[in-house]
């Protein structure tokens, strides 16, 4: 009924290893984002780890403005990083799924 069960288990283990390798690789994929006026710049990994923040001196004079800039720019950067992360992991998972009759979830 399920064909080669051992083959499917092997394929799942291989896919799990590829997912882990992809997660590790995403630590080196950098996402850059900046505020609309370029006064705040961020760099984070596709795994959503912040690597750098550059703040223009003019933003240091107004705490509330700086906080607003950080919130807006961080949210944009996290959204970009999440899209990259999910797309990469979905591609690996889809490629590695064994073919099980009646289980065509990734078409």
N, C-alpha and C. Protein backbone atom coordinates (compact mmCIF):
# COMPACT_ATOMS: atom_id res chain seq x y z
N UNK A 1 0.81 -1.20 0.00
CA UNK A 1 0.00 0.00 0.00
C UNK A 1 0.86 1.27 0.00
N UNK A 2 1.88 1.32 0.87
CA UNK A 2 2.71 2.50 0.97
C UNK A 2 4.02 2.36 0.21
N UNK A 3 4.18 1.31 -0.54
CA UNK A 3 5.40 1.16 -1.30
C UNK A 3 6.59 0.89 -0.40
N UNK A 4 7.68 1.53 -0.68
CA UNK A 4 8.93 1.33 0.05
C UNK A 4 8.99 2.21 1.29
N UNK A 5 8.50 1.68 2.41
CA UNK A 5 8.47 2.44 3.66
C UNK A 5 9.87 2.84 4.10
N UNK A 6 10.82 1.94 3.98
CA UNK A 6 12.20 2.25 4.38
C UNK A 6 12.76 3.38 3.51
N UNK A 7 12.42 3.36 2.24
CA UNK A 7 12.87 4.42 1.34
C UNK A 7 12.29 5.77 1.72
N UNK A 8 11.00 5.76 2.11
CA UNK A 8 10.35 7.01 2.51
C UNK A 8 10.98 7.55 3.79
N UNK A 9 11.27 6.67 4.74
CA UNK A 9 11.89 7.10 6.00
C UNK A 9 13.27 7.68 5.71
N UNK A 10 14.01 7.03 4.82
CA UNK A 10 15.32 7.54 4.44
C UNK A 10 15.22 8.91 3.79
N UNK A 11 14.23 9.07 2.92
CA UNK A 11 14.03 10.36 2.25
C UNK A 11 13.67 11.45 3.26
N UNK A 12 12.83 11.11 4.25
CA UNK A 12 12.48 12.07 5.29
C UNK A 12 13.70 12.49 6.11
N UNK A 13 14.57 11.53 6.44
CA UNK A 13 15.79 11.85 7.19
C UNK A 13 16.71 12.74 6.36
N UNK A 14 16.80 12.44 5.09
CA UNK A 14 17.62 13.26 4.18
C UNK A 14 17.06 14.68 4.11
N UNK A 15 15.75 14.80 4.03
CA UNK A 15 15.10 16.11 3.98
C UNK A 15 15.34 16.87 5.28
N UNK A 16 15.24 16.18 6.40
CA UNK A 16 15.49 16.82 7.69
C UNK A 16 16.92 17.38 7.74
N UNK A 17 17.88 16.62 7.23
CA UNK A 17 19.26 17.09 7.20
C UNK A 17 19.39 18.32 6.30
N UNK A 18 18.72 18.30 5.15
CA UNK A 18 18.76 19.45 4.24
C UNK A 18 18.12 20.68 4.87
N UNK A 19 17.05 20.48 5.63
CA UNK A 19 16.41 21.60 6.32
C UNK A 19 17.38 22.21 7.32
N UNK A 20 18.08 21.38 8.07
CA UNK A 20 19.06 21.88 9.05
C UNK A 20 20.20 22.61 8.36
N UNK A 21 20.66 22.08 7.23
CA UNK A 21 21.72 22.75 6.47
C UNK A 21 21.23 24.10 5.94
N UNK A 22 19.98 24.14 5.50
CA UNK A 22 19.41 25.39 5.00
C UNK A 22 19.31 26.42 6.12
N UNK A 23 18.87 25.99 7.29
CA UNK A 23 18.79 26.90 8.44
C UNK A 23 20.17 27.48 8.76
N UNK A 24 21.20 26.64 8.72
CA UNK A 24 22.55 27.12 8.99
C UNK A 24 23.01 28.10 7.91
N UNK A 25 22.69 27.81 6.65
CA UNK A 25 23.07 28.69 5.54
C UNK A 25 22.37 30.04 5.66
N UNK A 26 21.14 30.04 6.13
CA UNK A 26 20.39 31.29 6.26
C UNK A 26 21.00 32.24 7.29
N UNK A 27 21.90 31.73 8.14
CA UNK A 27 22.62 32.61 9.06
C UNK A 27 23.58 33.53 8.32
N UNK A 28 23.95 33.15 7.09
CA UNK A 28 24.88 33.98 6.33
C UNK A 28 24.17 34.81 5.25
N UNK A 29 22.86 34.64 5.11
CA UNK A 29 22.09 35.44 4.16
C UNK A 29 21.68 36.72 4.88
N UNK A 30 22.18 37.86 4.39
CA UNK A 30 21.93 39.13 5.06
C UNK A 30 20.81 39.92 4.39
N UNK A 31 20.00 40.54 5.22
CA UNK A 31 18.89 41.37 4.76
C UNK A 31 19.18 42.79 5.25
N UNK A 32 19.24 43.73 4.31
CA UNK A 32 19.45 45.13 4.66
C UNK A 32 18.13 45.88 4.53
N UNK A 33 17.89 46.76 5.47
CA UNK A 33 16.68 47.59 5.44
C UNK A 33 17.06 48.96 6.00
N UNK A 34 16.35 49.98 5.54
CA UNK A 34 16.58 51.31 6.07
C UNK A 34 15.27 52.08 6.13
N UNK A 35 15.27 53.12 6.95
CA UNK A 35 14.11 53.99 7.02
C UNK A 35 13.97 54.71 5.68
N UNK A 36 12.79 55.26 5.43
CA UNK A 36 12.54 55.92 4.15
C UNK A 36 13.55 57.03 3.85
N UNK A 37 14.01 57.74 4.88
CA UNK A 37 14.96 58.82 4.67
C UNK A 37 16.41 58.40 4.87
N UNK A 38 16.65 57.12 5.16
CA UNK A 38 18.00 56.61 5.30
C UNK A 38 18.70 56.95 6.60
N UNK A 39 17.99 57.49 7.57
CA UNK A 39 18.61 57.88 8.84
C UNK A 39 18.86 56.68 9.76
N UNK A 40 18.17 55.57 9.52
CA UNK A 40 18.35 54.36 10.31
C UNK A 40 18.54 53.20 9.35
N UNK A 41 19.61 52.44 9.56
CA UNK A 41 19.91 51.29 8.69
C UNK A 41 20.11 50.06 9.56
N UNK A 42 19.56 48.94 9.09
CA UNK A 42 19.65 47.67 9.82
C UNK A 42 20.15 46.57 8.90
N UNK A 43 20.86 45.62 9.49
CA UNK A 43 21.22 44.40 8.79
C UNK A 43 20.89 43.25 9.71
N UNK A 44 20.16 42.26 9.19
CA UNK A 44 19.91 41.05 9.95
C UNK A 44 20.01 39.85 9.04
N UNK A 45 20.10 38.67 9.64
CA UNK A 45 20.19 37.45 8.86
C UNK A 45 18.78 37.00 8.48
N UNK A 46 18.71 36.08 7.53
CA UNK A 46 17.42 35.52 7.14
C UNK A 46 16.81 34.69 8.28
N UNK A 47 17.61 34.38 9.29
CA UNK A 47 17.10 33.73 10.49
C UNK A 47 16.69 34.75 11.55
N UNK A 48 16.66 36.02 11.15
CA UNK A 48 16.15 37.11 11.98
C UNK A 48 17.03 37.44 13.20
N UNK A 49 18.34 37.36 13.00
CA UNK A 49 19.29 37.79 14.01
C UNK A 49 19.86 39.13 13.58
N UNK A 50 19.75 40.14 14.43
CA UNK A 50 20.25 41.47 14.09
C UNK A 50 21.78 41.44 14.08
N UNK A 51 22.36 41.96 13.00
CA UNK A 51 23.81 41.99 12.86
C UNK A 51 24.37 43.41 12.99
N UNK A 52 23.61 44.41 12.55
CA UNK A 52 24.12 45.78 12.62
C UNK A 52 22.96 46.78 12.64
N UNK A 53 23.19 47.87 13.36
CA UNK A 53 22.26 49.00 13.38
C UNK A 53 23.10 50.26 13.25
N UNK A 54 22.74 51.10 12.29
CA UNK A 54 23.41 52.39 12.11
C UNK A 54 22.36 53.49 12.28
N UNK A 55 22.64 54.39 13.23
CA UNK A 55 21.69 55.45 13.55
C UNK A 55 22.35 56.80 13.27
N UNK A 56 21.69 57.61 12.46
CA UNK A 56 22.18 58.96 12.19
C UNK A 56 22.10 59.77 13.49
N UNK A 57 23.10 60.63 13.69
CA UNK A 57 23.17 61.43 14.92
C UNK A 57 21.91 62.27 15.16
N UNK A 58 21.26 62.70 14.08
CA UNK A 58 20.07 63.55 14.25
C UNK A 58 18.94 62.82 14.97
N UNK A 59 18.92 61.49 14.88
CA UNK A 59 17.87 60.73 15.56
C UNK A 59 18.12 60.61 17.07
N UNK A 60 19.33 60.88 17.50
CA UNK A 60 19.67 60.74 18.92
C UNK A 60 19.10 61.87 19.76
N UNK A 61 18.61 62.91 19.12
CA UNK A 61 18.08 64.06 19.84
C UNK A 61 16.63 63.87 20.28
N UNK A 62 15.93 62.91 19.69
CA UNK A 62 14.51 62.72 19.99
C UNK A 62 14.25 61.23 20.23
N UNK A 63 14.13 60.88 21.49
CA UNK A 63 13.96 59.47 21.87
C UNK A 63 12.73 58.84 21.23
N UNK A 64 11.60 59.52 21.25
CA UNK A 64 10.37 58.96 20.68
C UNK A 64 10.49 58.74 19.18
N UNK A 65 11.13 59.69 18.50
CA UNK A 65 11.32 59.54 17.06
C UNK A 65 12.21 58.34 16.77
N UNK A 66 13.29 58.19 17.53
CA UNK A 66 14.18 57.05 17.35
C UNK A 66 13.44 55.73 17.58
N UNK A 67 12.64 55.68 18.62
CA UNK A 67 11.86 54.48 18.90
C UNK A 67 10.93 54.15 17.74
N UNK A 68 10.26 55.17 17.20
CA UNK A 68 9.37 54.96 16.05
C UNK A 68 10.15 54.42 14.85
N UNK A 69 11.30 55.02 14.58
CA UNK A 69 12.14 54.57 13.47
C UNK A 69 12.54 53.11 13.66
N UNK A 70 12.95 52.77 14.87
CA UNK A 70 13.37 51.39 15.15
C UNK A 70 12.22 50.41 14.93
N UNK A 71 11.06 50.73 15.44
CA UNK A 71 9.91 49.83 15.30
C UNK A 71 9.55 49.62 13.84
N UNK A 72 9.41 50.72 13.10
CA UNK A 72 9.02 50.60 11.69
C UNK A 72 10.06 49.86 10.86
N UNK A 73 11.32 50.23 11.04
CA UNK A 73 12.37 49.64 10.21
C UNK A 73 12.64 48.19 10.60
N UNK A 74 12.63 47.90 11.89
CA UNK A 74 12.81 46.51 12.32
C UNK A 74 11.67 45.62 11.80
N UNK A 75 10.45 46.10 11.87
CA UNK A 75 9.33 45.31 11.37
C UNK A 75 9.46 45.02 9.87
N UNK A 76 9.87 46.02 9.09
CA UNK A 76 10.07 45.79 7.65
C UNK A 76 11.18 44.78 7.41
N UNK A 77 12.28 44.90 8.15
CA UNK A 77 13.40 43.98 7.98
C UNK A 77 13.02 42.56 8.39
N UNK A 78 12.31 42.42 9.49
CA UNK A 78 11.90 41.09 9.96
C UNK A 78 10.94 40.46 8.95
N UNK A 79 10.05 41.25 8.37
CA UNK A 79 9.13 40.72 7.36
C UNK A 79 9.89 40.20 6.14
N UNK A 80 10.87 40.95 5.67
CA UNK A 80 11.69 40.51 4.54
C UNK A 80 12.44 39.22 4.87
N UNK A 81 13.08 39.20 6.04
CA UNK A 81 13.85 38.03 6.46
C UNK A 81 12.95 36.80 6.60
N UNK A 82 11.76 36.99 7.13
CA UNK A 82 10.81 35.89 7.29
C UNK A 82 10.38 35.33 5.94
N UNK A 83 10.14 36.20 4.98
CA UNK A 83 9.76 35.74 3.64
C UNK A 83 10.85 34.90 3.02
N UNK A 84 12.10 35.34 3.14
CA UNK A 84 13.23 34.58 2.60
C UNK A 84 13.34 33.24 3.32
N UNK A 85 13.28 33.28 4.64
CA UNK A 85 13.41 32.08 5.46
C UNK A 85 12.34 31.05 5.10
N UNK A 86 11.09 31.48 5.06
CA UNK A 86 9.99 30.55 4.77
C UNK A 86 10.08 30.00 3.36
N UNK A 87 10.45 30.83 2.40
CA UNK A 87 10.55 30.36 1.01
C UNK A 87 11.65 29.31 0.86
N UNK A 88 12.79 29.56 1.49
CA UNK A 88 13.91 28.61 1.40
C UNK A 88 13.56 27.28 2.07
N UNK A 89 13.00 27.35 3.26
CA UNK A 89 12.67 26.11 3.98
C UNK A 89 11.54 25.35 3.30
N UNK A 90 10.56 26.07 2.74
CA UNK A 90 9.46 25.41 2.03
C UNK A 90 9.98 24.69 0.78
N UNK A 91 10.92 25.31 0.08
CA UNK A 91 11.49 24.69 -1.12
C UNK A 91 12.21 23.39 -0.77
N UNK A 92 12.96 23.39 0.32
CA UNK A 92 13.68 22.18 0.74
C UNK A 92 12.68 21.10 1.16
N UNK A 93 11.68 21.49 1.92
CA UNK A 93 10.68 20.52 2.40
C UNK A 93 9.89 19.92 1.24
N UNK A 94 9.48 20.76 0.31
CA UNK A 94 8.70 20.28 -0.84
C UNK A 94 9.52 19.31 -1.67
N UNK A 95 10.78 19.65 -1.91
CA UNK A 95 11.66 18.81 -2.72
C UNK A 95 11.90 17.45 -2.06
N UNK A 96 11.91 17.43 -0.73
CA UNK A 96 12.27 16.21 -0.03
C UNK A 96 11.13 15.33 0.41
N UNK A 97 9.90 15.75 0.17
CA UNK A 97 8.76 14.95 0.61
C UNK A 97 8.63 13.70 -0.25
N UNK A 98 8.48 12.55 0.39
CA UNK A 98 8.26 11.32 -0.39
C UNK A 98 6.88 11.36 -1.04
N UNK A 99 6.76 10.65 -2.12
CA UNK A 99 5.48 10.60 -2.83
C UNK A 99 4.60 9.53 -2.19
N UNK A 100 3.55 9.97 -1.52
CA UNK A 100 2.61 9.06 -0.87
C UNK A 100 1.28 9.21 -1.60
N UNK A 101 0.76 8.13 -2.14
CA UNK A 101 -0.50 8.23 -2.88
C UNK A 101 -1.61 8.88 -2.04
N UNK A 102 -2.30 9.84 -2.65
CA UNK A 102 -3.37 10.52 -1.97
C UNK A 102 -2.93 11.65 -1.07
N UNK A 103 -1.64 11.89 -0.99
CA UNK A 103 -1.11 12.94 -0.09
C UNK A 103 -0.38 14.00 -0.90
N UNK A 104 -1.02 14.54 -1.90
CA UNK A 104 -0.40 15.55 -2.77
C UNK A 104 -0.60 16.94 -2.17
N UNK A 105 0.07 17.20 -1.03
CA UNK A 105 -0.12 18.45 -0.30
C UNK A 105 0.64 19.61 -0.94
N UNK A 106 1.70 19.33 -1.66
CA UNK A 106 2.59 20.40 -2.12
C UNK A 106 2.52 20.59 -3.63
N UNK A 107 1.34 20.61 -4.18
CA UNK A 107 1.23 20.82 -5.62
C UNK A 107 0.96 22.25 -5.93
